[in-house]
Amino acid sequence: MDNHLKMGIDFYDTMRGGVYYAFGPSARFQIGRNSLLSVSSLYMKIREVKGSSYSVDTSTGERSSTRENGAGTSFNGYTVVVSWVVLM
């Protein structure tokens, strides 16, 4: 559901069959006696997914016709984390 308050329209989208991938290496290194250095990364991907969409006028309740392939999404993300841990 996607609310467009200023336009007075709510959009309803339905998507199925998407594929999500996530993977990433990590490594930890001992630095001296009391500390560790950690490095990790993560790659995430959602392949393109399409689906149906319709809208509803929030002031009248009128619903539009359903549009096939009117909705879609995809995502690519990459994260790198570096941390230093001091052992007590």
PDB file of N, CA and C in Angstrom:
ATOM      1  N   MET A   1       0.848  -1.177   0.000  1.00  0.00           N
ATOM      2  CA  MET A   1       0.000   0.000   0.000  1.00  0.00           C
ATOM      3  C   MET A   1       0.892   1.239   0.000  1.00  0.00           C
ATOM      4  N   ASP A   2       0.526   2.195  -0.809  1.00  0.00           N
ATOM      5  CA  ASP A   2       1.289   3.438  -0.950  1.00  0.00           C
ATOM      6  C   ASP A   2       0.302   4.594  -0.825  1.00  0.00           C
ATOM      7  N   ASN A   3       0.413   5.364   0.262  1.00  0.00           N
ATOM      8  CA  ASN A   3      -0.512   6.480   0.504  1.00  0.00           C
ATOM      9  C   ASN A   3       0.054   7.770  -0.082  1.00  0.00           C
ATOM     10  N   HIS A   4      -0.756   8.447  -0.876  1.00  0.00           N
ATOM     11  CA  HIS A   4      -0.414   9.778  -1.395  1.00  0.00           C
ATOM     12  C   HIS A   4      -1.412  10.745  -0.760  1.00  0.00           C
ATOM     13  N   LEU A   5      -1.101  11.205   0.448  1.00  0.00           N
ATOM     14  CA  LEU A   5      -2.039  11.992   1.240  1.00  0.00           C
ATOM     15  C   LEU A   5      -2.454  13.287   0.554  1.00  0.00           C
ATOM     16  N   LYS A   6      -1.509  14.021  -0.012  1.00  0.00           N
ATOM     17  CA  LYS A   6      -1.839  15.303  -0.642  1.00  0.00           C
ATOM     18  C   LYS A   6      -2.682  15.116  -1.897  1.00  0.00           C
ATOM     19  N   MET A   7      -2.475  13.991  -2.601  1.00  0.00           N
ATOM     20  CA  MET A   7      -3.259  13.718  -3.806  1.00  0.00           C
ATOM     21  C   MET A   7      -4.588  13.041  -3.468  1.00  0.00           C
ATOM     22  N   GLY A   8      -4.705  12.486  -2.245  1.00  0.00           N
ATOM     23  CA  GLY A   8      -5.930  11.810  -1.855  1.00  0.00           C
ATOM     24  C   GLY A   8      -6.116  10.478  -2.565  1.00  0.00           C
ATOM     25  N   ILE A   9      -5.012   9.773  -2.810  1.00  0.00           N
ATOM     26  CA  ILE A   9      -5.068   8.489  -3.519  1.00  0.00           C
ATOM     27  C   ILE A   9      -4.235   7.465  -2.760  1.00  0.00           C
ATOM     28  N   ASP A  10      -4.779   6.267  -2.629  1.00  0.00           N
ATOM     29  CA  ASP A  10      -4.031   5.123  -2.097  1.00  0.00           C
ATOM     30  C   ASP A  10      -3.798   4.141  -3.237  1.00  0.00           C
ATOM     31  N   PHE A  11      -2.554   3.667  -3.370  1.00  0.00           N
ATOM     32  CA  PHE A  11      -2.219   2.684  -4.393  1.00  0.00           C
ATOM     33  C   PHE A  11      -2.016   1.326  -3.727  1.00  0.00           C
ATOM     34  N   TYR A  12      -2.548   0.281  -4.335  1.00  0.00           N
ATOM     35  CA  TYR A  12      -2.416  -1.084  -3.836  1.00  0.00           C
ATOM     36  C   TYR A  12      -1.699  -1.910  -4.893  1.00  0.00           C
ATOM     37  N   ASP A  13      -0.558  -2.459  -4.533  1.00  0.00           N
ATOM     38  CA  ASP A  13       0.264  -3.234  -5.461  1.00  0.00           C
ATOM     39  C   ASP A  13       0.408  -4.659  -4.949  1.00  0.00           C
ATOM     40  N   THR A  14       0.400  -5.617  -5.869  1.00  0.00           N
ATOM     41  CA  THR A  14       0.615  -7.022  -5.531  1.00  0.00           C
ATOM     42  C   THR A  14       1.711  -7.572  -6.423  1.00  0.00           C
ATOM     43  N   MET A  15       2.788  -8.063  -5.812  1.00  0.00           N
ATOM     44  CA  MET A  15       3.904  -8.636  -6.562  1.00  0.00           C
ATOM     45  C   MET A  15       4.250  -9.981  -5.942  1.00  0.00           C
ATOM     46  N   ARG A  16       4.511 -10.971  -6.790  1.00  0.00           N
ATOM     47  CA  ARG A  16       4.862 -12.308  -6.303  1.00  0.00           C
ATOM     48  C   ARG A  16       6.007 -12.868  -7.119  1.00  0.00           C
ATOM     49  N   GLY A  17       6.700 -13.831  -6.505  1.00  0.00           N
ATOM     50  CA  GLY A  17       7.737 -14.557  -7.238  1.00  0.00           C
ATOM     51  C   GLY A  17       9.084 -13.879  -7.294  1.00  0.00           C
ATOM     52  N   GLY A  18       9.323 -12.905  -6.420  1.00  0.00           N
ATOM     53  CA  GLY A  18      10.609 -12.238  -6.421  1.00  0.00           C
ATOM     54  C   GLY A  18      11.715 -13.111  -5.857  1.00  0.00           C
ATOM     55  N   VAL A  19      12.940 -12.833  -6.274  1.00  0.00           N
ATOM     56  CA  VAL A  19      14.103 -13.578  -5.799  1.00  0.00           C
ATOM     57  C   VAL A  19      15.019 -12.604  -5.055  1.00  0.00           C
ATOM     58  N   TYR A  20      15.426 -12.988  -3.841  1.00  0.00           N
ATOM     59  CA  TYR A  20      16.289 -12.168  -2.991  1.00  0.00           C
ATOM     60  C   TYR A  20      17.597 -12.908  -2.760  1.00  0.00           C
ATOM     61  N   TYR A  21      18.706 -12.209  -2.957  1.00  0.00           N
ATOM     62  CA  TYR A  21      20.033 -12.770  -2.703  1.00  0.00           C
ATOM     63  C   TYR A  21      20.737 -11.902  -1.673  1.00  0.00           C
ATOM     64  N   ALA A  22      21.493 -12.528  -0.782  1.00  0.00           N
ATOM     65  CA  ALA A  22      22.348 -11.792   0.146  1.00  0.00           C
ATOM     66  C   ALA A  22      23.535 -12.681   0.489  1.00  0.00           C
ATOM     67  N   PHE A  23      24.732 -12.124   0.355  1.00  0.00           N
ATOM     68  CA  PHE A  23      25.924 -12.865   0.739  1.00  0.00           C
ATOM     69  C   PHE A  23      27.042 -11.880   1.027  1.00  0.00           C
ATOM     70  N   GLY A  24      28.010 -12.335   1.809  1.00  0.00           N
ATOM     71  CA  GLY A  24      29.138 -11.470   2.093  1.00  0.00           C
ATOM     72  C   GLY A  24      30.163 -12.135   2.982  1.00  0.00           C
ATOM     73  N   PRO A  25      31.427 -11.852   2.721  1.00  0.00           N
ATOM     74  CA  PRO A  25      32.505 -12.401   3.540  1.00  0.00           C
ATOM     75  C   PRO A  25      32.770 -11.528   4.768  1.00  0.00           C
ATOM     76  N   SER A  26      33.422 -12.123   5.740  1.00  0.00           N
ATOM     77  CA  SER A  26      33.878 -11.355   6.900  1.00  0.00           C
ATOM     78  C   SER A  26      35.207 -11.940   7.366  1.00  0.00           C
ATOM     79  N   ALA A  27      35.991 -11.104   8.031  1.00  0.00           N
ATOM     80  CA  ALA A  27      37.292 -11.537   8.545  1.00  0.00           C
ATOM     81  C   ALA A  27      37.554 -10.823   9.863  1.00  0.00           C
ATOM     82  N   ARG A  28      38.270 -11.513  10.752  1.00  0.00           N
ATOM     83  CA  ARG A  28      38.625 -10.946  12.048  1.00  0.00           C
ATOM     84  C   ARG A  28      40.126 -11.126  12.253  1.00  0.00           C
ATOM     85  N   PHE A  29      40.790 -10.066  12.700  1.00  0.00           N
ATOM     86  CA  PHE A  29      42.237 -10.093  12.889  1.00  0.00           C
ATOM     87  C   PHE A  29      42.577  -9.707  14.318  1.00  0.00           C
ATOM     88  N   GLN A  30      43.412 -10.494  14.961  1.00  0.00           N
ATOM     89  CA  GLN A  30      43.898 -10.170  16.305  1.00  0.00           C
ATOM     90  C   GLN A  30      44.978  -9.107  16.169  1.00  0.00           C
ATOM     91  N   ILE A  31      44.819  -7.995  16.882  1.00  0.00           N
ATOM     92  CA  ILE A  31      45.787  -6.905  16.875  1.00  0.00           C
ATOM     93  C   ILE A  31      46.337  -6.811  18.292  1.00  0.00           C
ATOM     94  N   GLY A  32      47.519  -7.290  18.505  1.00  0.00           N
ATOM     95  CA  GLY A  32      48.079  -7.281  19.856  1.00  0.00           C
ATOM     96  C   GLY A  32      47.334  -8.258  20.761  1.00  0.00           C
ATOM     97  N   ARG A  33      47.469  -8.061  22.075  1.00  0.00           N
ATOM     98  CA  ARG A  33      46.828  -8.974  23.034  1.00  0.00           C
ATOM     99  C   ARG A  33      45.388  -8.613  23.335  1.00  0.00           C
ATOM    100  N   ASN A  34      45.038  -7.324  23.207  1.00  0.00           N
ATOM    101  CA  ASN A  34      43.744  -6.869  23.711  1.00  0.00           C
ATOM    102  C   ASN A  34      42.797  -6.290  22.672  1.00  0.00           C
ATOM    103  N   SER A  35      43.038  -6.486  21.401  1.00  0.00           N
ATOM    104  CA  SER A  35      42.100  -5.894  20.441  1.00  0.00           C
ATOM    105  C   SER A  35      41.960  -6.745  19.182  1.00  0.00           C
ATOM    106  N   LEU A  36      40.803  -6.587  18.564  1.00  0.00           N
ATOM    107  CA  LEU A  36      40.474  -7.275  17.317  1.00  0.00           C
ATOM    108  C   LEU A  36      40.029  -6.253  16.288  1.00  0.00           C
ATOM    109  N   LEU A  37      40.379  -6.494  15.048  1.00  0.00           N
ATOM    110  CA  LEU A  37      39.879  -5.699  13.933  1.00  0.00           C
ATOM    111  C   LEU A  37      38.978  -6.612  13.116  1.00  0.00           C
ATOM    112  N   SER A  38      37.760  -6.172  12.865  1.00  0.00           N
ATOM    113  CA  SER A  38      36.790  -6.969  12.125  1.00  0.00           C
ATOM    114  C   SER A  38      36.363  -6.213  10.873  1.00  0.00           C
ATOM    115  N   VAL A  39      36.327  -6.915   9.751  1.00  0.00           N
ATOM    116  CA  VAL A  39      35.887  -6.336   8.481  1.00  0.00           C
ATOM    117  C   VAL A  39      34.851  -7.285   7.885  1.00  0.00           C
ATOM    118  N   SER A  40      33.695  -6.749   7.530  1.00  0.00           N
ATOM    119  CA  SER A  40      32.672  -7.584   6.903  1.00  0.00           C
ATOM    120  C   SER A  40      31.965  -6.794   5.812  1.00  0.00           C
ATOM    121  N   SER A  41      31.401  -7.507   4.866  1.00  0.00           N
ATOM    122  CA  SER A  41      30.650  -6.864   3.795  1.00  0.00           C
ATOM    123  C   SER A  41      29.420  -7.707   3.489  1.00  0.00           C
ATOM    124  N   LEU A  42      28.419  -7.061   2.892  1.00  0.00           N
ATOM    125  CA  LEU A  42      27.194  -7.754   2.541  1.00  0.00           C
ATOM    126  C   LEU A  42      26.657  -7.165   1.248  1.00  0.00           C
ATOM    127  N   TYR A  43      26.380  -8.028   0.292  1.00  0.00           N
ATOM    128  CA  TYR A  43      25.748  -7.614  -0.957  1.00  0.00           C
ATOM    129  C   TYR A  43      24.329  -8.157  -0.963  1.00  0.00           C
ATOM    130  N   MET A  44      23.349  -7.303  -1.278  1.00  0.00           N
ATOM    131  CA  MET A  44      21.942  -7.698  -1.320  1.00  0.00           C
ATOM    132  C   MET A  44      21.352  -7.333  -2.670  1.00  0.00           C
ATOM    133  N   LYS A  45      20.510  -8.205  -3.182  1.00  0.00           N
ATOM    134  CA  LYS A  45      19.873  -7.943  -4.474  1.00  0.00           C
ATOM    135  C   LYS A  45      18.475  -8.534  -4.484  1.00  0.00           C
ATOM    136  N   ILE A  46      17.511  -7.751  -4.953  1.00  0.00           N
ATOM    137  CA  ILE A  46      16.177  -8.242  -5.276  1.00  0.00           C
ATOM    138  C   ILE A  46      16.041  -8.059  -6.780  1.00  0.00           C
ATOM    139  N   ARG A  47      15.874  -9.173  -7.473  1.00  0.00           N
ATOM    140  CA  ARG A  47      15.709  -9.086  -8.926  1.00  0.00           C
ATOM    141  C   ARG A  47      14.382  -8.413  -9.249  1.00  0.00           C
ATOM    142  N   GLU A  48      14.295  -7.829 -10.420  1.00  0.00           N
ATOM    143  CA  GLU A  48      13.086  -7.093 -10.792  1.00  0.00           C
ATOM    144  C   GLU A  48      11.845  -7.977 -10.699  1.00  0.00           C
ATOM    145  N   VAL A  49      10.820  -7.446 -10.051  1.00  0.00           N
ATOM    146  CA  VAL A  49       9.550  -8.123  -9.883  1.00  0.00           C
ATOM    147  C   VAL A  49       8.465  -7.166 -10.363  1.00  0.00           C
ATOM    148  N   LYS A  50       7.532  -7.667 -11.141  1.00  0.00           N
ATOM    149  CA  LYS A  50       6.412  -6.850 -11.593  1.00  0.00           C
ATOM    150  C   LYS A  50       5.111  -7.461 -11.112  1.00  0.00           C
ATOM    151  N   GLY A  51       4.094  -6.641 -10.985  1.00  0.00           N
ATOM    152  CA  GLY A  51       2.807  -7.132 -10.520  1.00  0.00           C
ATOM    153  C   GLY A  51       1.683  -6.191 -10.885  1.00  0.00           C
ATOM    154  N   SER A  52       0.529  -6.415 -10.295  1.00  0.00           N
ATOM    155  CA  SER A  52      -0.660  -5.620 -10.610  1.00  0.00           C
ATOM    156  C   SER A  52      -0.799  -4.461  -9.629  1.00  0.00           C
ATOM    157  N   SER A  53      -1.539  -3.441 -10.072  1.00  0.00           N
ATOM    158  CA  SER A  53      -1.719  -2.251  -9.259  1.00  0.00           C
ATOM    159  C   SER A  53      -3.091  -1.641  -9.526  1.00  0.00           C
ATOM    160  N   TYR A  54      -3.701  -1.106  -8.471  1.00  0.00           N
ATOM    161  CA  TYR A  54      -4.908  -0.300  -8.635  1.00  0.00           C
ATOM    162  C   TYR A  54      -4.865   0.806  -7.589  1.00  0.00           C
ATOM    163  N   SER A  55      -5.690   1.829  -7.780  1.00  0.00           N
ATOM    164  CA  SER A  55      -5.714   2.943  -6.837  1.00  0.00           C
ATOM    165  C   SER A  55      -7.139   3.187  -6.364  1.00  0.00           C
ATOM    166  N   VAL A  56      -7.225   3.841  -5.196  1.00  0.00           N
ATOM    167  CA  VAL A  56      -8.518   4.194  -4.612  1.00  0.00           C
ATOM    168  C   VAL A  56      -8.480   5.672  -4.256  1.00  0.00           C
ATOM    169  N   ASP A  57      -9.488   6.421  -4.732  1.00  0.00           N
ATOM    170  CA  ASP A  57      -9.637   7.830  -4.382  1.00  0.00           C
ATOM    171  C   ASP A  57     -10.158   7.871  -2.950  1.00  0.00           C
ATOM    172  N   THR A  58      -9.377   8.436  -2.020  1.00  0.00           N
ATOM    173  CA  THR A  58      -9.747   8.384  -0.604  1.00  0.00           C
ATOM    174  C   THR A  58     -10.935   9.284  -0.263  1.00  0.00           C
ATOM    175  N   SER A  59     -11.256  10.262  -1.099  1.00  0.00           N
ATOM    176  CA  SER A  59     -12.399  11.126  -0.790  1.00  0.00           C
ATOM    177  C   SER A  59     -13.717  10.534  -1.291  1.00  0.00           C
ATOM    178  N   THR A  60     -13.677   9.765  -2.397  1.00  0.00           N
ATOM    179  CA  THR A  60     -14.920   9.204  -2.950  1.00  0.00           C
ATOM    180  C   THR A  60     -15.016   7.692  -2.780  1.00  0.00           C
ATOM    181  N   GLY A  61     -13.857   7.030  -2.522  1.00  0.00           N
ATOM    182  CA  GLY A  61     -13.846   5.567  -2.435  1.00  0.00           C
ATOM    183  C   GLY A  61     -13.833   4.889  -3.792  1.00  0.00           C
ATOM    184  N   GLU A  62     -13.771   5.676  -4.870  1.00  0.00           N
ATOM    185  CA  GLU A  62     -13.777   5.105  -6.225  1.00  0.00           C
ATOM    186  C   GLU A  62     -12.465   4.366  -6.484  1.00  0.00           C
ATOM    187  N   ARG A  63     -12.606   3.150  -7.047  1.00  0.00           N
ATOM    188  CA  ARG A  63     -11.447   2.307  -7.332  1.00  0.00           C
ATOM    189  C   ARG A  63     -11.166   2.286  -8.829  1.00  0.00           C
ATOM    190  N   SER A  64      -9.891   2.371  -9.180  1.00  0.00           N
ATOM    191  CA  SER A  64      -9.509   2.301 -10.595  1.00  0.00           C
ATOM    192  C   SER A  64      -9.532   0.851 -11.063  1.00  0.00           C
ATOM    193  N   SER A  65      -9.390   0.655 -12.346  1.00  0.00           N
ATOM    194  CA  SER A  65      -9.228  -0.703 -12.859  1.00  0.00           C
ATOM    195  C   SER A  65      -7.832  -1.204 -12.478  1.00  0.00           C
ATOM    196  N   THR A  66      -7.661  -2.515 -12.467  1.00  0.00           N
ATOM    197  CA  THR A  66      -6.367  -3.105 -12.129  1.00  0.00           C
ATOM    198  C   THR A  66      -5.478  -3.098 -13.354  1.00  0.00           C
ATOM    199  N   ARG A  67      -4.250  -2.603 -13.177  1.00  0.00           N
ATOM    200  CA  ARG A  67      -3.271  -2.552 -14.269  1.00  0.00           C
ATOM    201  C   ARG A  67      -2.240  -3.658 -14.058  1.00  0.00           C
ATOM    202  N   GLU A  68      -2.179  -4.596 -14.980  1.00  0.00           N
ATOM    203  CA  GLU A  68      -1.150  -5.645 -14.920  1.00  0.00           C
ATOM    204  C   GLU A  68       0.197  -5.023 -15.261  1.00  0.00           C
ATOM    205  N   ASN A  69       1.248  -5.457 -14.580  1.00  0.00           N
ATOM    206  CA  ASN A  69       2.593  -4.900 -14.719  1.00  0.00           C
ATOM    207  C   ASN A  69       2.617  -3.401 -14.434  1.00  0.00           C
ATOM    208  N   GLY A  70       1.661  -2.937 -13.617  1.00  0.00           N
ATOM    209  CA  GLY A  70       1.621  -1.533 -13.230  1.00  0.00           C
ATOM    210  C   GLY A  70       2.465  -1.239 -12.005  1.00  0.00           C
ATOM    211  N   ALA A  71       2.973  -2.282 -11.365  1.00  0.00           N
ATOM    212  CA  ALA A  71       3.808  -2.114 -10.170  1.00  0.00           C
ATOM    213  C   ALA A  71       5.099  -2.888 -10.367  1.00  0.00           C
ATOM    214  N   GLY A  72       6.144  -2.445  -9.720  1.00  0.00           N
ATOM    215  CA  GLY A  72       7.407  -3.168  -9.833  1.00  0.00           C
ATOM    216  C   GLY A  72       8.407  -2.690  -8.803  1.00  0.00           C
ATOM    217  N   THR A  73       9.398  -3.535  -8.589  1.00  0.00           N
ATOM    218  CA  THR A  73      10.459  -3.174  -7.653  1.00  0.00           C
ATOM    219  C   THR A  73      11.739  -3.924  -8.012  1.00  0.00           C
ATOM    220  N   SER A  74      12.858  -3.379  -7.616  1.00  0.00           N
ATOM    221  CA  SER A  74      14.157  -4.044  -7.669  1.00  0.00           C
ATOM    222  C   SER A  74      15.064  -3.309  -6.688  1.00  0.00           C
ATOM    223  N   PHE A  75      16.122  -3.988  -6.243  1.00  0.00           N
ATOM    224  CA  PHE A  75      16.994  -3.389  -5.233  1.00  0.00           C
ATOM    225  C   PHE A  75      18.382  -3.992  -5.326  1.00  0.00           C
ATOM    226  N   ASN A  76      19.398  -3.151  -5.202  1.00  0.00           N
ATOM    227  CA  ASN A  76      20.789  -3.569  -5.077  1.00  0.00           C
ATOM    228  C   ASN A  76      21.387  -2.771  -3.922  1.00  0.00           C
ATOM    229  N   GLY A  77      22.064  -3.452  -3.017  1.00  0.00           N
ATOM    230  CA  GLY A  77      22.684  -2.756  -1.895  1.00  0.00           C
ATOM    231  C   GLY A  77      23.991  -3.419  -1.499  1.00  0.00           C
ATOM    232  N   TYR A  78      24.929  -2.627  -1.017  1.00  0.00           N
ATOM    233  CA  TYR A  78      26.219  -3.143  -0.582  1.00  0.00           C
ATOM    234  C   TYR A  78      26.609  -2.426   0.699  1.00  0.00           C
ATOM    235  N   THR A  79      27.016  -3.184   1.698  1.00  0.00           N
ATOM    236  CA  THR A  79      27.399  -2.622   2.988  1.00  0.00           C
ATOM    237  C   THR A  79      28.779  -3.132   3.368  1.00  0.00           C
ATOM    238  N   VAL A  80      29.602  -2.239   3.915  1.00  0.00           N
ATOM    239  CA  VAL A  80      30.915  -2.619   4.454  1.00  0.00           C
ATOM    240  C   VAL A  80      30.980  -2.106   5.885  1.00  0.00           C
ATOM    241  N   VAL A  81      31.374  -2.984   6.801  1.00  0.00           N
ATOM    242  CA  VAL A  81      31.489  -2.612   8.214  1.00  0.00           C
ATOM    243  C   VAL A  81      32.907  -2.923   8.681  1.00  0.00           C
ATOM    244  N   VAL A  82      33.537  -1.934   9.291  1.00  0.00           N
ATOM    245  CA  VAL A  82      34.859  -2.110   9.894  1.00  0.00           C
ATOM    246  C   VAL A  82      34.708  -1.764  11.364  1.00  0.00           C
ATOM    247  N   SER A  83      35.138  -2.684  12.227  1.00  0.00           N
ATOM    248  CA  SER A  83      35.033  -2.406  13.658  1.00  0.00           C
ATOM    249  C   SER A  83      36.318  -2.816  14.377  1.00  0.00           C
ATOM    250  N   TRP A  84      36.561  -2.136  15.462  1.00  0.00           N
ATOM    251  CA  TRP A  84      37.719  -2.411  16.301  1.00  0.00           C
ATOM    252  C   TRP A  84      37.185  -2.708  17.698  1.00  0.00           C
ATOM    253  N   VAL A  85      37.561  -3.856  18.236  1.00  0.00           N
ATOM    254  CA  VAL A  85      37.076  -4.293  19.534  1.00  0.00           C
ATOM    255  C   VAL A  85      38.248  -4.357  20.503  1.00  0.00           C
ATOM    256  N   VAL A  86      38.092  -3.718  21.645  1.00  0.00           N
ATOM    257  CA  VAL A  86      39.104  -3.766  22.695  1.00  0.00           C
ATOM    258  C   VAL A  86      38.627  -4.774  23.741  1.00  0.00           C
ATOM    259  N   LEU A  87      39.450  -5.787  23.988  1.00  0.00           N
ATOM    260  CA  LEU A  87      39.113  -6.827  24.953  1.00  0.00           C
ATOM    261  C   LEU A  87      39.569  -6.414  26.338  1.00  0.00           C
ATOM    262  N   MET A  88      38.775  -6.623  27.335  1.00  0.00           N
ATOM    263  CA  MET A  88      39.107  -6.248  28.703  1.00  0.00           C
ATOM    264  C   MET A  88      39.509  -7.479  29.482  1.00  0.00           C
TER     265      MET A  88
END
